[in-house]
Amino acid sequence: MMVIYFLQQTEPPVIPVLQEIGRPGDVSPYLVEGWDTYFYTEINRRNGDWPSDNTDPVALLVLKFFKFYYEEFDYTTTVIAPKQKSLLTCKSKNWYRPINIEDPF
């Protein structure tokens, strides 16, 4: 989850947040135990691979990954939440653990 979240948060992003790609108007929420588990599944409708403006080589992304979680990410206030691009706070979830990772399902 930490790698996925990093690749979504880096600028420009390497991979998209599947839950935030436009939901077609005719697709209703897919609820499982009261949770909307929708994510974009029409990958074949995209033009080629996921479009990304990120041209960083893998070695640089690895370095940025460690820098992100060592210097930039605030573990005391932020949840690793791969279902959304915007920051999710520990306070909003009432979570106060050493590391907070939201289950995307």
C-alpha atoms as a PDB file:
ATOM      1  CA  MET A   1       0.000   0.000   0.000  1.00  0.00           C
ATOM      2  CA  MET A   2       2.842   2.372   0.776  1.00  0.00           C
ATOM      3  CA  VAL A   3       4.339   2.004  -2.720  1.00  0.00           C
ATOM      4  CA  ILE A   4       0.968   2.501  -4.421  1.00  0.00           C
ATOM      5  CA  TYR A   5       0.235   5.569  -2.292  1.00  0.00           C
ATOM      6  CA  PHE A   6       3.666   7.045  -3.042  1.00  0.00           C
ATOM      7  CA  LEU A   7       3.278   6.489  -6.798  1.00  0.00           C
ATOM      8  CA  GLN A   8      -0.098   8.272  -6.636  1.00  0.00           C
ATOM      9  CA  GLN A   9       1.229  11.182  -4.565  1.00  0.00           C
ATOM     10  CA  THR A  10       4.504  11.895  -6.391  1.00  0.00           C
ATOM     11  CA  GLU A  11       4.440  14.780  -8.863  1.00  0.00           C
ATOM     12  CA  PRO A  12       3.599  14.109 -11.528  1.00  0.00           C
ATOM     13  CA  PRO A  13       1.812  10.921 -10.440  1.00  0.00           C
ATOM     14  CA  VAL A  14       2.989   7.618 -11.886  1.00  0.00           C
ATOM     15  CA  ILE A  15      -0.342   5.839 -11.421  1.00  0.00           C
ATOM     16  CA  PRO A  16      -3.874   7.202 -11.000  1.00  0.00           C
ATOM     17  CA  VAL A  17      -6.245   6.760  -8.086  1.00  0.00           C
ATOM     18  CA  LEU A  18      -8.705   4.287  -9.617  1.00  0.00           C
ATOM     19  CA  GLN A  19     -11.574   5.393  -7.393  1.00  0.00           C
ATOM     20  CA  GLU A  20     -11.218   8.987  -8.595  1.00  0.00           C
ATOM     21  CA  ILE A  21     -11.287   8.307 -12.334  1.00  0.00           C
ATOM     22  CA  GLY A  22     -14.651   9.422 -13.639  1.00  0.00           C
ATOM     23  CA  ARG A  23     -17.460   7.041 -12.778  1.00  0.00           C
ATOM     24  CA  PRO A  24     -19.833   6.608 -15.718  1.00  0.00           C
ATOM     25  CA  GLY A  25     -23.258   8.065 -15.000  1.00  0.00           C
ATOM     26  CA  ASP A  26     -24.972   4.685 -15.354  1.00  0.00           C
ATOM     27  CA  VAL A  27     -22.778   2.954 -12.743  1.00  0.00           C
ATOM     28  CA  SER A  28     -24.323   2.864  -9.310  1.00  0.00           C
ATOM     29  CA  PRO A  29     -22.291   2.413  -6.113  1.00  0.00           C
ATOM     30  CA  TYR A  30     -21.108  -1.163  -5.560  1.00  0.00           C
ATOM     31  CA  LEU A  31     -21.712  -1.680  -1.859  1.00  0.00           C
ATOM     32  CA  VAL A  32     -20.062  -4.424   0.182  1.00  0.00           C
ATOM     33  CA  GLU A  33     -21.019  -4.423   3.858  1.00  0.00           C
ATOM     34  CA  GLY A  34     -22.082  -0.791   3.514  1.00  0.00           C
ATOM     35  CA  TRP A  35     -18.862   0.389   1.806  1.00  0.00           C
ATOM     36  CA  ASP A  36     -18.734   1.686  -1.760  1.00  0.00           C
ATOM     37  CA  THR A  37     -16.050  -0.471  -3.368  1.00  0.00           C
ATOM     38  CA  TYR A  38     -16.235   1.087  -6.848  1.00  0.00           C
ATOM     39  CA  PHE A  39     -13.034   1.468  -8.846  1.00  0.00           C
ATOM     40  CA  TYR A  40     -12.370   2.094 -12.517  1.00  0.00           C
ATOM     41  CA  THR A  41     -12.306  -1.202 -14.395  1.00  0.00           C
ATOM     42  CA  GLU A  42     -12.514  -0.132 -18.048  1.00  0.00           C
ATOM     43  CA  ILE A  43      -8.749  -0.245 -18.518  1.00  0.00           C
ATOM     44  CA  ASN A  44      -9.136  -1.425 -22.131  1.00  0.00           C
ATOM     45  CA  ARG A  45     -10.997   1.795 -22.970  1.00  0.00           C
ATOM     46  CA  ARG A  46      -7.958   3.898 -22.083  1.00  0.00           C
ATOM     47  CA  ASN A  47      -5.609   4.925 -24.881  1.00  0.00           C
ATOM     48  CA  GLY A  48      -2.629   2.646 -24.426  1.00  0.00           C
ATOM     49  CA  ASP A  49      -0.971   2.480 -21.051  1.00  0.00           C
ATOM     50  CA  TRP A  50      -1.975   4.733 -18.200  1.00  0.00           C
ATOM     51  CA  PRO A  51      -1.033   8.213 -19.287  1.00  0.00           C
ATOM     52  CA  SER A  52       1.643   9.608 -17.017  1.00  0.00           C
ATOM     53  CA  ASP A  53       3.841  12.636 -17.468  1.00  0.00           C
ATOM     54  CA  ASN A  54       6.327  11.200 -14.985  1.00  0.00           C
ATOM     55  CA  THR A  55       9.570  10.322 -16.750  1.00  0.00           C
ATOM     56  CA  ASP A  56      11.657   9.555 -13.649  1.00  0.00           C
ATOM     57  CA  PRO A  57      13.751   6.385 -13.946  1.00  0.00           C
ATOM     58  CA  VAL A  58      12.961   3.591 -11.500  1.00  0.00           C
ATOM     59  CA  ALA A  59      16.141   4.207  -9.484  1.00  0.00           C
ATOM     60  CA  LEU A  60      15.123   7.833  -8.890  1.00  0.00           C
ATOM     61  CA  LEU A  61      11.594   6.779  -7.915  1.00  0.00           C
ATOM     62  CA  VAL A  62      13.062   4.395  -5.333  1.00  0.00           C
ATOM     63  CA  LEU A  63      15.128   7.230  -3.850  1.00  0.00           C
ATOM     64  CA  LYS A  64      12.083   9.518  -3.844  1.00  0.00           C
ATOM     65  CA  PHE A  65      10.046   6.777  -2.134  1.00  0.00           C
ATOM     66  CA  PHE A  66      12.462   6.620   0.787  1.00  0.00           C
ATOM     67  CA  LYS A  67      12.754  10.417   0.956  1.00  0.00           C
ATOM     68  CA  PHE A  68       8.948  10.751   0.929  1.00  0.00           C
ATOM     69  CA  TYR A  69       8.453   8.402   3.868  1.00  0.00           C
ATOM     70  CA  TYR A  70      11.578   9.514   5.756  1.00  0.00           C
ATOM     71  CA  GLU A  71      11.417  13.300   5.387  1.00  0.00           C
ATOM     72  CA  GLU A  72       8.053  14.387   3.989  1.00  0.00           C
ATOM     73  CA  PHE A  73       5.265  12.108   5.218  1.00  0.00           C
ATOM     74  CA  ASP A  74       3.837  13.071   8.617  1.00  0.00           C
ATOM     75  CA  TYR A  75       2.974   9.810  10.362  1.00  0.00           C
ATOM     76  CA  THR A  76       1.364  11.608  13.317  1.00  0.00           C
ATOM     77  CA  THR A  77      -1.314  13.363  11.263  1.00  0.00           C
ATOM     78  CA  THR A  78      -1.696  11.562   7.930  1.00  0.00           C
ATOM     79  CA  VAL A  79      -3.232   8.252   6.817  1.00  0.00           C
ATOM     80  CA  ILE A  80      -1.816   6.307   3.861  1.00  0.00           C
ATOM     81  CA  ALA A  81      -5.015   6.111   1.819  1.00  0.00           C
ATOM     82  CA  PRO A  82      -4.632   4.780  -1.737  1.00  0.00           C
ATOM     83  CA  LYS A  83      -8.337   5.358  -2.484  1.00  0.00           C
ATOM     84  CA  GLN A  84      -7.959   9.121  -2.675  1.00  0.00           C
ATOM     85  CA  LYS A  85      -5.473  11.726  -3.849  1.00  0.00           C
ATOM     86  CA  SER A  86      -6.301  14.271  -1.149  1.00  0.00           C
ATOM     87  CA  LEU A  87      -4.776  13.864   2.302  1.00  0.00           C
ATOM     88  CA  LEU A  88      -6.752  11.881   4.848  1.00  0.00           C
ATOM     89  CA  THR A  89      -6.067  12.896   8.430  1.00  0.00           C
ATOM     90  CA  CYS A  90      -5.683  10.600  11.400  1.00  0.00           C
ATOM     91  CA  LYS A  91      -8.074  12.861  13.287  1.00  0.00           C
ATOM     92  CA  SER A  92     -10.859  12.344  10.716  1.00  0.00           C
ATOM     93  CA  LYS A  93     -10.503   8.563  11.138  1.00  0.00           C
ATOM     94  CA  ASN A  94      -9.856   8.789  14.897  1.00  0.00           C
ATOM     95  CA  TRP A  95      -6.700   6.730  14.346  1.00  0.00           C
ATOM     96  CA  TYR A  96      -3.612   7.346  16.438  1.00  0.00           C
ATOM     97  CA  ARG A  97      -1.256   4.458  15.750  1.00  0.00           C
ATOM     98  CA  PRO A  98       2.439   4.624  14.842  1.00  0.00           C
ATOM     99  CA  ILE A  99       1.519   4.098  11.171  1.00  0.00           C
ATOM    100  CA  ASN A 100      -1.957   4.442   9.694  1.00  0.00           C
ATOM    101  CA  ILE A 101      -2.798   2.625   6.464  1.00  0.00           C
ATOM    102  CA  GLU A 102      -6.378   2.553   5.209  1.00  0.00           C
ATOM    103  CA  ASP A 103      -7.557  -0.721   3.670  1.00  0.00           C
ATOM    104  CA  PRO A 104      -8.663   0.165   0.125  1.00  0.00           C
ATOM    105  CA  PHE A 105     -11.361  -2.488   0.125  1.00  0.00           C
END
